[in-house]
Amino acid sequence: MQNFSNISLPEQLRALFLDVTFEDLSWDLHHDFIAARILERGSLQDIKWLRGHWGDIALRDYILNRRGKGLNPRQMRYWQLILDLPADQVDQWIAQFHNSVRGRRTKK
């Protein structure tokens, strides 16, 4: 992974972090938290920023290591297509999502 100690977060991301002191966030120290929040709640512009600064290889590794945690099935499928994630793994994550409390809560 690249060195991001000098990356300052763009103001556009502030709305995603209203529960923390935005100025205290550091990509170097909090990149997992920041990436998770962007992937879960970010706009297309936020995701473009993340991809541009982290890169698709690091983003792919991050999602694979987290096994899709925090993403809903639609988001998992999106990233499967964009980052060429293994379909069998994404299928497994989606099955686990549907068996989770969050997944059962969102079933219609």
PDB file of N, CA and C in Angstrom:
ATOM      1  N   MET A   1       0.839  -1.179   0.000  1.00  0.00           N
ATOM      2  CA  MET A   1       0.000   0.000   0.000  1.00  0.00           C
ATOM      3  C   MET A   1       0.885   1.243   0.000  1.00  0.00           C
ATOM      4  N   GLN A   2       0.389   2.270  -0.624  1.00  0.00           N
ATOM      5  CA  GLN A   2       1.159   3.503  -0.751  1.00  0.00           C
ATOM      6  C   GLN A   2       1.181   4.280   0.562  1.00  0.00           C
ATOM      7  N   ASN A   3       2.075   5.258   0.647  1.00  0.00           N
ATOM      8  CA  ASN A   3       2.143   6.127   1.815  1.00  0.00           C
ATOM      9  C   ASN A   3       1.178   7.300   1.613  1.00  0.00           C
ATOM     10  N   PHE A   4       0.248   7.449   2.540  1.00  0.00           N
ATOM     11  CA  PHE A   4      -0.773   8.485   2.421  1.00  0.00           C
ATOM     12  C   PHE A   4      -0.713   9.481   3.569  1.00  0.00           C
ATOM     13  N   SER A   5       0.422   9.590   4.233  1.00  0.00           N
ATOM     14  CA  SER A   5       0.483  10.426   5.427  1.00  0.00           C
ATOM     15  C   SER A   5       0.223  11.898   5.140  1.00  0.00           C
ATOM     16  N   ASN A   6       0.418  12.339   3.923  1.00  0.00           N
ATOM     17  CA  ASN A   6       0.201  13.753   3.603  1.00  0.00           C
ATOM     18  C   ASN A   6      -1.146  14.028   2.942  1.00  0.00           C
ATOM     19  N   ILE A   7      -1.993  13.027   2.853  1.00  0.00           N
ATOM     20  CA  ILE A   7      -3.301  13.223   2.221  1.00  0.00           C
ATOM     21  C   ILE A   7      -4.249  13.890   3.205  1.00  0.00           C
ATOM     22  N   SER A   8      -4.806  15.001   2.770  1.00  0.00           N
ATOM     23  CA  SER A   8      -5.842  15.634   3.578  1.00  0.00           C
ATOM     24  C   SER A   8      -7.187  15.270   2.955  1.00  0.00           C
ATOM     25  N   LEU A   9      -8.157  15.059   3.796  1.00  0.00           N
ATOM     26  CA  LEU A   9      -9.471  14.663   3.306  1.00  0.00           C
ATOM     27  C   LEU A   9     -10.191  15.866   2.713  1.00  0.00           C
ATOM     28  N   PRO A  10     -10.826  15.680   1.572  1.00  0.00           N
ATOM     29  CA  PRO A  10     -11.550  16.803   0.961  1.00  0.00           C
ATOM     30  C   PRO A  10     -12.796  17.163   1.774  1.00  0.00           C
ATOM     31  N   GLU A  11     -13.132  18.409   1.733  1.00  0.00           N
ATOM     32  CA  GLU A  11     -14.286  18.924   2.468  1.00  0.00           C
ATOM     33  C   GLU A  11     -15.569  18.178   2.102  1.00  0.00           C
ATOM     34  N   GLN A  12     -15.662  17.685   0.881  1.00  0.00           N
ATOM     35  CA  GLN A  12     -16.868  16.974   0.430  1.00  0.00           C
ATOM     36  C   GLN A  12     -17.179  15.757   1.302  1.00  0.00           C
ATOM     37  N   LEU A  13     -16.173  15.205   1.999  1.00  0.00           N
ATOM     38  CA  LEU A  13     -16.387  14.022   2.833  1.00  0.00           C
ATOM     39  C   LEU A  13     -16.927  14.351   4.221  1.00  0.00           C
ATOM     40  N   ARG A  14     -16.903  15.598   4.608  1.00  0.00           N
ATOM     41  CA  ARG A  14     -17.298  16.004   5.962  1.00  0.00           C
ATOM     42  C   ARG A  14     -18.678  15.454   6.341  1.00  0.00           C
ATOM     43  N   ALA A  15     -19.627  15.497   5.438  1.00  0.00           N
ATOM     44  CA  ALA A  15     -20.997  15.064   5.741  1.00  0.00           C
ATOM     45  C   ALA A  15     -21.075  13.579   6.099  1.00  0.00           C
ATOM     46  N   LEU A  16     -20.077  12.797   5.724  1.00  0.00           N
ATOM     47  CA  LEU A  16     -20.065  11.373   6.055  1.00  0.00           C
ATOM     48  C   LEU A  16     -19.566  11.108   7.474  1.00  0.00           C
ATOM     49  N   PHE A  17     -19.003  12.128   8.102  1.00  0.00           N
ATOM     50  CA  PHE A  17     -18.338  11.939   9.391  1.00  0.00           C
ATOM     51  C   PHE A  17     -18.855  12.909  10.459  1.00  0.00           C
ATOM     52  N   LEU A  18     -20.154  13.098  10.491  1.00  0.00           N
ATOM     53  CA  LEU A  18     -20.739  14.040  11.452  1.00  0.00           C
ATOM     54  C   LEU A  18     -20.646  13.530  12.882  1.00  0.00           C
ATOM     55  N   ASP A  19     -20.394  12.239  13.052  1.00  0.00           N
ATOM     56  CA  ASP A  19     -20.321  11.653  14.391  1.00  0.00           C
ATOM     57  C   ASP A  19     -18.910  11.691  14.983  1.00  0.00           C
ATOM     58  N   VAL A  20     -17.952  12.216  14.232  1.00  0.00           N
ATOM     59  CA  VAL A  20     -16.575  12.338  14.712  1.00  0.00           C
ATOM     60  C   VAL A  20     -16.064  13.738  14.366  1.00  0.00           C
ATOM     61  N   THR A  21     -14.951  14.104  14.963  1.00  0.00           N
ATOM     62  CA  THR A  21     -14.340  15.396  14.633  1.00  0.00           C
ATOM     63  C   THR A  21     -13.569  15.220  13.329  1.00  0.00           C
ATOM     64  N   PHE A  22     -14.109  15.793  12.279  1.00  0.00           N
ATOM     65  CA  PHE A  22     -13.565  15.613  10.932  1.00  0.00           C
ATOM     66  C   PHE A  22     -12.093  16.004  10.862  1.00  0.00           C
ATOM     67  N   GLU A  23     -11.726  17.093  11.511  1.00  0.00           N
ATOM     68  CA  GLU A  23     -10.353  17.583  11.456  1.00  0.00           C
ATOM     69  C   GLU A  23      -9.354  16.611  12.112  1.00  0.00           C
ATOM     70  N   ASP A  24      -9.850  15.746  12.972  1.00  0.00           N
ATOM     71  CA  ASP A  24      -8.978  14.773  13.639  1.00  0.00           C
ATOM     72  C   ASP A  24      -8.740  13.516  12.809  1.00  0.00           C
ATOM     73  N   LEU A  25      -9.477  13.362  11.724  1.00  0.00           N
ATOM     74  CA  LEU A  25      -9.297  12.182  10.881  1.00  0.00           C
ATOM     75  C   LEU A  25      -8.012  12.297  10.070  1.00  0.00           C
ATOM     76  N   SER A  26      -7.302  11.216  10.025  1.00  0.00           N
ATOM     77  CA  SER A  26      -6.060  11.146   9.263  1.00  0.00           C
ATOM     78  C   SER A  26      -6.122   9.904   8.395  1.00  0.00           C
ATOM     79  N   TRP A  27      -5.893  10.069   7.104  1.00  0.00           N
ATOM     80  CA  TRP A  27      -5.893   8.901   6.220  1.00  0.00           C
ATOM     81  C   TRP A  27      -4.864   7.881   6.702  1.00  0.00           C
ATOM     82  N   ASP A  28      -3.719   8.345   7.105  1.00  0.00           N
ATOM     83  CA  ASP A  28      -2.642   7.461   7.543  1.00  0.00           C
ATOM     84  C   ASP A  28      -3.078   6.605   8.735  1.00  0.00           C
ATOM     85  N   LEU A  29      -3.805   7.189   9.660  1.00  0.00           N
ATOM     86  CA  LEU A  29      -4.219   6.473  10.875  1.00  0.00           C
ATOM     87  C   LEU A  29      -5.581   5.800  10.769  1.00  0.00           C
ATOM     88  N   HIS A  30      -6.460   6.355   9.951  1.00  0.00           N
ATOM     89  CA  HIS A  30      -7.861   5.918   9.952  1.00  0.00           C
ATOM     90  C   HIS A  30      -8.367   5.456   8.586  1.00  0.00           C
ATOM     91  N   HIS A  31      -7.486   5.041   7.693  1.00  0.00           N
ATOM     92  CA  HIS A  31      -7.931   4.736   6.329  1.00  0.00           C
ATOM     93  C   HIS A  31      -8.990   3.636   6.272  1.00  0.00           C
ATOM     94  N   ASP A  32      -8.931   2.633   7.152  1.00  0.00           N
ATOM     95  CA  ASP A  32      -9.965   1.594   7.140  1.00  0.00           C
ATOM     96  C   ASP A  32     -11.337   2.173   7.473  1.00  0.00           C
ATOM     97  N   PHE A  33     -11.390   2.992   8.502  1.00  0.00           N
ATOM     98  CA  PHE A  33     -12.642   3.631   8.903  1.00  0.00           C
ATOM     99  C   PHE A  33     -13.161   4.557   7.810  1.00  0.00           C
ATOM    100  N   ILE A  34     -12.281   5.343   7.243  1.00  0.00           N
ATOM    101  CA  ILE A  34     -12.669   6.290   6.195  1.00  0.00           C
ATOM    102  C   ILE A  34     -13.163   5.544   4.958  1.00  0.00           C
ATOM    103  N   ALA A  35     -12.440   4.525   4.532  1.00  0.00           N
ATOM    104  CA  ALA A  35     -12.846   3.751   3.355  1.00  0.00           C
ATOM    105  C   ALA A  35     -14.192   3.078   3.590  1.00  0.00           C
ATOM    106  N   ALA A  36     -14.376   2.491   4.768  1.00  0.00           N
ATOM    107  CA  ALA A  36     -15.651   1.827   5.067  1.00  0.00           C
ATOM    108  C   ALA A  36     -16.803   2.810   4.976  1.00  0.00           C
ATOM    109  N   ARG A  37     -16.628   3.978   5.545  1.00  0.00           N
ATOM    110  CA  ARG A  37     -17.699   4.978   5.542  1.00  0.00           C
ATOM    111  C   ARG A  37     -18.007   5.442   4.124  1.00  0.00           C
ATOM    112  N   ILE A  38     -16.975   5.652   3.320  1.00  0.00           N
ATOM    113  CA  ILE A  38     -17.192   6.075   1.932  1.00  0.00           C
ATOM    114  C   ILE A  38     -17.911   4.977   1.152  1.00  0.00           C
ATOM    115  N   LEU A  39     -17.474   3.738   1.314  1.00  0.00           N
ATOM    116  CA  LEU A  39     -18.104   2.638   0.583  1.00  0.00           C
ATOM    117  C   LEU A  39     -19.557   2.424   1.005  1.00  0.00           C
ATOM    118  N   GLU A  40     -19.848   2.600   2.271  1.00  0.00           N
ATOM    119  CA  GLU A  40     -21.197   2.376   2.784  1.00  0.00           C
ATOM    120  C   GLU A  40     -22.151   3.513   2.452  1.00  0.00           C
ATOM    121  N   ARG A  41     -21.672   4.750   2.535  1.00  0.00           N
ATOM    122  CA  ARG A  41     -22.579   5.903   2.476  1.00  0.00           C
ATOM    123  C   ARG A  41     -22.194   6.981   1.477  1.00  0.00           C
ATOM    124  N   GLY A  42     -21.053   6.833   0.853  1.00  0.00           N
ATOM    125  CA  GLY A  42     -20.539   7.905   0.014  1.00  0.00           C
ATOM    126  C   GLY A  42     -21.253   8.075  -1.315  1.00  0.00           C
ATOM    127  N   SER A  43     -21.115   9.262  -1.845  1.00  0.00           N
ATOM    128  CA  SER A  43     -21.655   9.580  -3.168  1.00  0.00           C
ATOM    129  C   SER A  43     -20.694   9.066  -4.241  1.00  0.00           C
ATOM    130  N   LEU A  44     -21.107   9.153  -5.472  1.00  0.00           N
ATOM    131  CA  LEU A  44     -20.240   8.762  -6.573  1.00  0.00           C
ATOM    132  C   LEU A  44     -18.951   9.587  -6.553  1.00  0.00           C
ATOM    133  N   GLN A  45     -19.069  10.859  -6.252  1.00  0.00           N
ATOM    134  CA  GLN A  45     -17.889  11.732  -6.168  1.00  0.00           C
ATOM    135  C   GLN A  45     -16.949  11.280  -5.040  1.00  0.00           C
ATOM    136  N   ASP A  46     -17.514  10.874  -3.913  1.00  0.00           N
ATOM    137  CA  ASP A  46     -16.700  10.382  -2.795  1.00  0.00           C
ATOM    138  C   ASP A  46     -15.964   9.103  -3.184  1.00  0.00           C
ATOM    139  N   ILE A  47     -16.667   8.212  -3.868  1.00  0.00           N
ATOM    140  CA  ILE A  47     -16.065   6.950  -4.303  1.00  0.00           C
ATOM    141  C   ILE A  47     -14.976   7.210  -5.338  1.00  0.00           C
ATOM    142  N   LYS A  48     -15.189   8.168  -6.209  1.00  0.00           N
ATOM    143  CA  LYS A  48     -14.143   8.528  -7.175  1.00  0.00           C
ATOM    144  C   LYS A  48     -12.899   9.033  -6.456  1.00  0.00           C
ATOM    145  N   TRP A  49     -13.107   9.825  -5.407  1.00  0.00           N
ATOM    146  CA  TRP A  49     -11.961  10.302  -4.628  1.00  0.00           C
ATOM    147  C   TRP A  49     -11.212   9.116  -4.016  1.00  0.00           C
ATOM    148  N   LEU A  50     -11.959   8.199  -3.415  1.00  0.00           N
ATOM    149  CA  LEU A  50     -11.332   7.035  -2.782  1.00  0.00           C
ATOM    150  C   LEU A  50     -10.555   6.205  -3.798  1.00  0.00           C
ATOM    151  N   ARG A  51     -11.155   5.929  -4.927  1.00  0.00           N
ATOM    152  CA  ARG A  51     -10.478   5.139  -5.957  1.00  0.00           C
ATOM    153  C   ARG A  51      -9.252   5.874  -6.488  1.00  0.00           C
ATOM    154  N   GLY A  52      -9.358   7.176  -6.648  1.00  0.00           N
ATOM    155  CA  GLY A  52      -8.242   7.951  -7.169  1.00  0.00           C
ATOM    156  C   GLY A  52      -7.062   8.032  -6.211  1.00  0.00           C
ATOM    157  N   HIS A  53      -7.350   8.030  -4.927  1.00  0.00           N
ATOM    158  CA  HIS A  53      -6.285   8.171  -3.944  1.00  0.00           C
ATOM    159  C   HIS A  53      -5.788   6.847  -3.380  1.00  0.00           C
ATOM    160  N   TRP A  54      -6.619   5.839  -3.405  1.00  0.00           N
ATOM    161  CA  TRP A  54      -6.199   4.546  -2.867  1.00  0.00           C
ATOM    162  C   TRP A  54      -5.852   3.581  -3.973  1.00  0.00           C
ATOM    163  N   GLY A  55      -6.594   3.673  -5.083  1.00  0.00           N
ATOM    164  CA  GLY A  55      -6.376   2.778  -6.209  1.00  0.00           C
ATOM    165  C   GLY A  55      -7.235   1.528  -6.106  1.00  0.00           C
ATOM    166  N   ASP A  56      -7.555   0.955  -7.250  1.00  0.00           N
ATOM    167  CA  ASP A  56      -8.451  -0.195  -7.286  1.00  0.00           C
ATOM    168  C   ASP A  56      -7.830  -1.457  -6.703  1.00  0.00           C
ATOM    169  N   ILE A  57      -6.531  -1.614  -6.803  1.00  0.00           N
ATOM    170  CA  ILE A  57      -5.899  -2.816  -6.242  1.00  0.00           C
ATOM    171  C   ILE A  57      -6.030  -2.812  -4.721  1.00  0.00           C
ATOM    172  N   ALA A  58      -5.723  -1.686  -4.093  1.00  0.00           N
ATOM    173  CA  ALA A  58      -5.854  -1.584  -2.634  1.00  0.00           C
ATOM    174  C   ALA A  58      -7.314  -1.700  -2.216  1.00  0.00           C
ATOM    175  N   LEU A  59      -8.214  -1.102  -2.981  1.00  0.00           N
ATOM    176  CA  LEU A  59      -9.629  -1.168  -2.665  1.00  0.00           C
ATOM    177  C   LEU A  59     -10.141  -2.609  -2.779  1.00  0.00           C
ATOM    178  N   ARG A  60      -9.711  -3.305  -3.814  1.00  0.00           N
ATOM    179  CA  ARG A  60     -10.095  -4.709  -4.001  1.00  0.00           C
ATOM    180  C   ARG A  60      -9.594  -5.550  -2.832  1.00  0.00           C
ATOM    181  N   ASP A  61      -8.347  -5.370  -2.463  1.00  0.00           N
ATOM    182  CA  ASP A  61      -7.782  -6.111  -1.330  1.00  0.00           C
ATOM    183  C   ASP A  61      -8.544  -5.811  -0.044  1.00  0.00           C
ATOM    184  N   TYR A  62      -8.889  -4.556   0.144  1.00  0.00           N
ATOM    185  CA  TYR A  62      -9.626  -4.142   1.345  1.00  0.00           C
ATOM    186  C   TYR A  62     -10.978  -4.853   1.422  1.00  0.00           C
ATOM    187  N   ILE A  63     -11.737  -4.849   0.332  1.00  0.00           N
ATOM    188  CA  ILE A  63     -13.055  -5.484   0.323  1.00  0.00           C
ATOM    189  C   ILE A  63     -12.921  -6.994   0.510  1.00  0.00           C
ATOM    190  N   LEU A  64     -11.946  -7.603  -0.150  1.00  0.00           N
ATOM    191  CA  LEU A  64     -11.728  -9.043   0.012  1.00  0.00           C
ATOM    192  C   LEU A  64     -11.350  -9.383   1.456  1.00  0.00           C
ATOM    193  N   ASN A  65     -10.469  -8.611   2.050  1.00  0.00           N
ATOM    194  CA  ASN A  65     -10.051  -8.873   3.430  1.00  0.00           C
ATOM    195  C   ASN A  65     -11.200  -8.718   4.422  1.00  0.00           C
ATOM    196  N   ARG A  66     -12.099  -7.790   4.132  1.00  0.00           N
ATOM    197  CA  ARG A  66     -13.262  -7.569   5.013  1.00  0.00           C
ATOM    198  C   ARG A  66     -14.426  -8.484   4.652  1.00  0.00           C
ATOM    199  N   ARG A  67     -14.277  -9.253   3.595  1.00  0.00           N
ATOM    200  CA  ARG A  67     -15.313 -10.191   3.145  1.00  0.00           C
ATOM    201  C   ARG A  67     -16.655  -9.474   2.924  1.00  0.00           C
ATOM    202  N   GLY A  68     -16.575  -8.253   2.367  1.00  0.00           N
ATOM    203  CA  GLY A  68     -17.772  -7.488   2.048  1.00  0.00           C
ATOM    204  C   GLY A  68     -18.459  -6.861   3.246  1.00  0.00           C
ATOM    205  N   LYS A  69     -17.852  -6.961   4.411  1.00  0.00           N
ATOM    206  CA  LYS A  69     -18.468  -6.433   5.635  1.00  0.00           C
ATOM    207  C   LYS A  69     -18.834  -4.963   5.473  1.00  0.00           C
ATOM    208  N   GLY A  70     -20.058  -4.636   5.885  1.00  0.00           N
ATOM    209  CA  GLY A  70     -20.536  -3.263   5.826  1.00  0.00           C
ATOM    210  C   GLY A  70     -21.257  -2.913   4.540  1.00  0.00           C
ATOM    211  N   LEU A  71     -21.124  -3.765   3.539  1.00  0.00           N
ATOM    212  CA  LEU A  71     -21.780  -3.515   2.258  1.00  0.00           C
ATOM    213  C   LEU A  71     -23.075  -4.317   2.177  1.00  0.00           C
ATOM    214  N   ASN A  72     -24.054  -3.761   1.491  1.00  0.00           N
ATOM    215  CA  ASN A  72     -25.276  -4.512   1.256  1.00  0.00           C
ATOM    216  C   ASN A  72     -25.111  -5.317  -0.045  1.00  0.00           C
ATOM    217  N   PRO A  73     -26.014  -6.237  -0.334  1.00  0.00           N
ATOM    218  CA  PRO A  73     -25.849  -7.071  -1.529  1.00  0.00           C
ATOM    219  C   PRO A  73     -25.702  -6.288  -2.834  1.00  0.00           C
ATOM    220  N   ARG A  74     -26.430  -5.213  -2.982  1.00  0.00           N
ATOM    221  CA  ARG A  74     -26.309  -4.407  -4.201  1.00  0.00           C
ATOM    222  C   ARG A  74     -24.899  -3.821  -4.328  1.00  0.00           C
ATOM    223  N   GLN A  75     -24.378  -3.310  -3.227  1.00  0.00           N
ATOM    224  CA  GLN A  75     -23.025  -2.758  -3.228  1.00  0.00           C
ATOM    225  C   GLN A  75     -21.988  -3.857  -3.503  1.00  0.00           C
ATOM    226  N   MET A  76     -22.207  -5.027  -2.907  1.00  0.00           N
ATOM    227  CA  MET A  76     -21.280  -6.138  -3.152  1.00  0.00           C
ATOM    228  C   MET A  76     -21.248  -6.507  -4.630  1.00  0.00           C
ATOM    229  N   ARG A  77     -22.409  -6.585  -5.246  1.00  0.00           N
ATOM    230  CA  ARG A  77     -22.463  -6.919  -6.684  1.00  0.00           C
ATOM    231  C   ARG A  77     -21.806  -5.832  -7.523  1.00  0.00           C
ATOM    232  N   TYR A  78     -22.022  -4.581  -7.164  1.00  0.00           N
ATOM    233  CA  TYR A  78     -21.398  -3.471  -7.887  1.00  0.00           C
ATOM    234  C   TYR A  78     -19.879  -3.629  -7.865  1.00  0.00           C
ATOM    235  N   TRP A  79     -19.326  -3.816  -6.660  1.00  0.00           N
ATOM    236  CA  TRP A  79     -17.877  -3.937  -6.550  1.00  0.00           C
ATOM    237  C   TRP A  79     -17.364  -5.232  -7.176  1.00  0.00           C
ATOM    238  N   GLN A  80     -18.184  -6.264  -7.185  1.00  0.00           N
ATOM    239  CA  GLN A  80     -17.803  -7.495  -7.879  1.00  0.00           C
ATOM    240  C   GLN A  80     -17.530  -7.192  -9.348  1.00  0.00           C
ATOM    241  N   LEU A  81     -18.409  -6.423  -9.955  1.00  0.00           N
ATOM    242  CA  LEU A  81     -18.252  -6.076 -11.369  1.00  0.00           C
ATOM    243  C   LEU A  81     -17.099  -5.106 -11.604  1.00  0.00           C
ATOM    244  N   ILE A  82     -17.018  -4.080 -10.804  1.00  0.00           N
ATOM    245  CA  ILE A  82     -16.015  -3.025 -10.995  1.00  0.00           C
ATOM    246  C   ILE A  82     -14.598  -3.528 -10.722  1.00  0.00           C
ATOM    247  N   LEU A  83     -14.449  -4.330  -9.651  1.00  0.00           N
ATOM    248  CA  LEU A  83     -13.115  -4.750  -9.218  1.00  0.00           C
ATOM    249  C   LEU A  83     -12.815  -6.216  -9.527  1.00  0.00           C
ATOM    250  N   ASP A  84     -13.696  -6.858 -10.266  1.00  0.00           N
ATOM    251  CA  ASP A  84     -13.512  -8.259 -10.649  1.00  0.00           C
ATOM    252  C   ASP A  84     -13.315  -9.155  -9.423  1.00  0.00           C
ATOM    253  N   LEU A  85     -14.208  -8.999  -8.455  1.00  0.00           N
ATOM    254  CA  LEU A  85     -14.170  -9.852  -7.270  1.00  0.00           C
ATOM    255  C   LEU A  85     -14.688 -11.236  -7.634  1.00  0.00           C
ATOM    256  N   PRO A  86     -14.181 -12.278  -7.005  1.00  0.00           N
ATOM    257  CA  PRO A  86     -14.630 -13.646  -7.320  1.00  0.00           C
ATOM    258  C   PRO A  86     -16.112 -13.836  -7.004  1.00  0.00           C
ATOM    259  N   ALA A  87     -16.869 -14.281  -7.988  1.00  0.00           N
ATOM    260  CA  ALA A  87     -18.320 -14.428  -7.850  1.00  0.00           C
ATOM    261  C   ALA A  87     -18.692 -15.372  -6.713  1.00  0.00           C
ATOM    262  N   ASP A  88     -17.963 -16.472  -6.555  1.00  0.00           N
ATOM    263  CA  ASP A  88     -18.311 -17.420  -5.497  1.00  0.00           C
ATOM    264  C   ASP A  88     -18.149 -16.798  -4.118  1.00  0.00           C
ATOM    265  N   GLN A  89     -17.141 -15.960  -3.943  1.00  0.00           N
ATOM    266  CA  GLN A  89     -16.962 -15.288  -2.657  1.00  0.00           C
ATOM    267  C   GLN A  89     -18.072 -14.274  -2.409  1.00  0.00           C
ATOM    268  N   VAL A  90     -18.414 -13.499  -3.435  1.00  0.00           N
ATOM    269  CA  VAL A  90     -19.483 -12.510  -3.281  1.00  0.00           C
ATOM    270  C   VAL A  90     -20.806 -13.211  -3.002  1.00  0.00           C
ATOM    271  N   ASP A  91     -21.069 -14.323  -3.668  1.00  0.00           N
ATOM    272  CA  ASP A  91     -22.285 -15.101  -3.400  1.00  0.00           C
ATOM    273  C   ASP A  91     -22.340 -15.525  -1.936  1.00  0.00           C
ATOM    274  N   GLN A  92     -21.210 -15.964  -1.413  1.00  0.00           N
ATOM    275  CA  GLN A  92     -21.139 -16.387  -0.019  1.00  0.00           C
ATOM    276  C   GLN A  92     -21.388 -15.206   0.918  1.00  0.00           C
ATOM    277  N   TRP A  93     -20.791 -14.053   0.626  1.00  0.00           N
ATOM    278  CA  TRP A  93     -21.008 -12.868   1.462  1.00  0.00           C
ATOM    279  C   TRP A  93     -22.478 -12.472   1.474  1.00  0.00           C
ATOM    280  N   ILE A  94     -23.110 -12.543   0.300  1.00  0.00           N
ATOM    281  CA  ILE A  94     -24.523 -12.158   0.203  1.00  0.00           C
ATOM    282  C   ILE A  94     -25.390 -13.133   0.992  1.00  0.00           C
ATOM    283  N   ALA A  95     -25.084 -14.417   0.921  1.00  0.00           N
ATOM    284  CA  ALA A  95     -25.824 -15.405   1.713  1.00  0.00           C
ATOM    285  C   ALA A  95     -25.656 -15.122   3.201  1.00  0.00           C
ATOM    286  N   GLN A  96     -24.450 -14.793   3.613  1.00  0.00           N
ATOM    287  CA  GLN A  96     -24.203 -14.464   5.020  1.00  0.00           C
ATOM    288  C   GLN A  96     -24.946 -13.195   5.419  1.00  0.00           C
ATOM    289  N   PHE A  97     -24.993 -12.220   4.507  1.00  0.00           N
ATOM    290  CA  PHE A  97     -25.724 -10.983   4.776  1.00  0.00           C
ATOM    291  C   PHE A  97     -27.196 -11.296   5.036  1.00  0.00           C
ATOM    292  N   HIS A  98     -27.797 -12.125   4.172  1.00  0.00           N
ATOM    293  CA  HIS A  98     -29.223 -12.437   4.308  1.00  0.00           C
ATOM    294  C   HIS A  98     -29.521 -13.220   5.585  1.00  0.00           C
ATOM    295  N   ASN A  99     -28.541 -13.919   6.114  1.00  0.00           N
ATOM    296  CA  ASN A  99     -28.718 -14.666   7.363  1.00  0.00           C
ATOM    297  C   ASN A  99     -28.376 -13.842   8.599  1.00  0.00           C
ATOM    298  N   SER A 100     -27.870 -12.627   8.393  1.00  0.00           N
ATOM    299  CA  SER A 100     -27.501 -11.762   9.512  1.00  0.00           C
ATOM    300  C   SER A 100     -28.724 -10.990  10.011  1.00  0.00           C
ATOM    301  N   VAL A 101     -28.585 -10.384  11.171  1.00  0.00           N
ATOM    302  CA  VAL A 101     -29.657  -9.554  11.720  1.00  0.00           C
ATOM    303  C   VAL A 101     -29.989  -8.434  10.745  1.00  0.00           C
ATOM    304  N   ARG A 102     -28.956  -7.787  10.206  1.00  0.00           N
ATOM    305  CA  ARG A 102     -29.173  -6.687   9.254  1.00  0.00           C
ATOM    306  C   ARG A 102     -29.906  -7.179   8.015  1.00  0.00           C
ATOM    307  N   GLY A 103     -29.524  -8.338   7.517  1.00  0.00           N
ATOM    308  CA  GLY A 103     -30.167  -8.883   6.331  1.00  0.00           C
ATOM    309  C   GLY A 103     -31.607  -9.282   6.577  1.00  0.00           C
ATOM    310  N   ARG A 104     -31.866  -9.895   7.722  1.00  0.00           N
ATOM    311  CA  ARG A 104     -33.252 -10.292   8.059  1.00  0.00           C
ATOM    312  C   ARG A 104     -34.122  -9.060   8.256  1.00  0.00           C
ATOM    313  N   ARG A 105     -33.524  -7.996   8.761  1.00  0.00           N
ATOM    314  CA  ARG A 105     -34.274  -6.750   9.000  1.00  0.00           C
ATOM    315  C   ARG A 105     -34.671  -6.075   7.688  1.00  0.00           C
ATOM    316  N   THR A 106     -33.875  -6.286   6.631  1.00  0.00           N
ATOM    317  CA  THR A 106     -34.150  -5.602   5.364  1.00  0.00           C
ATOM    318  C   THR A 106     -34.928  -6.470   4.380  1.00  0.00           C
ATOM    319  N   LYS A 107     -35.230  -7.728   4.746  1.00  0.00           N
ATOM    320  CA  LYS A 107     -36.009  -8.585   3.843  1.00  0.00           C
ATOM    321  C   LYS A 107     -37.427  -8.065   3.742  1.00  0.00           C
ATOM    322  N   LYS A 108     -37.991  -8.239   2.540  1.00  0.00           N
ATOM    323  CA  LYS A 108     -39.381  -7.793   2.330  1.00  0.00           C
ATOM    324  C   LYS A 108     -40.319  -8.957   2.405  1.00  0.00           C
TER     325      LYS A 108
END
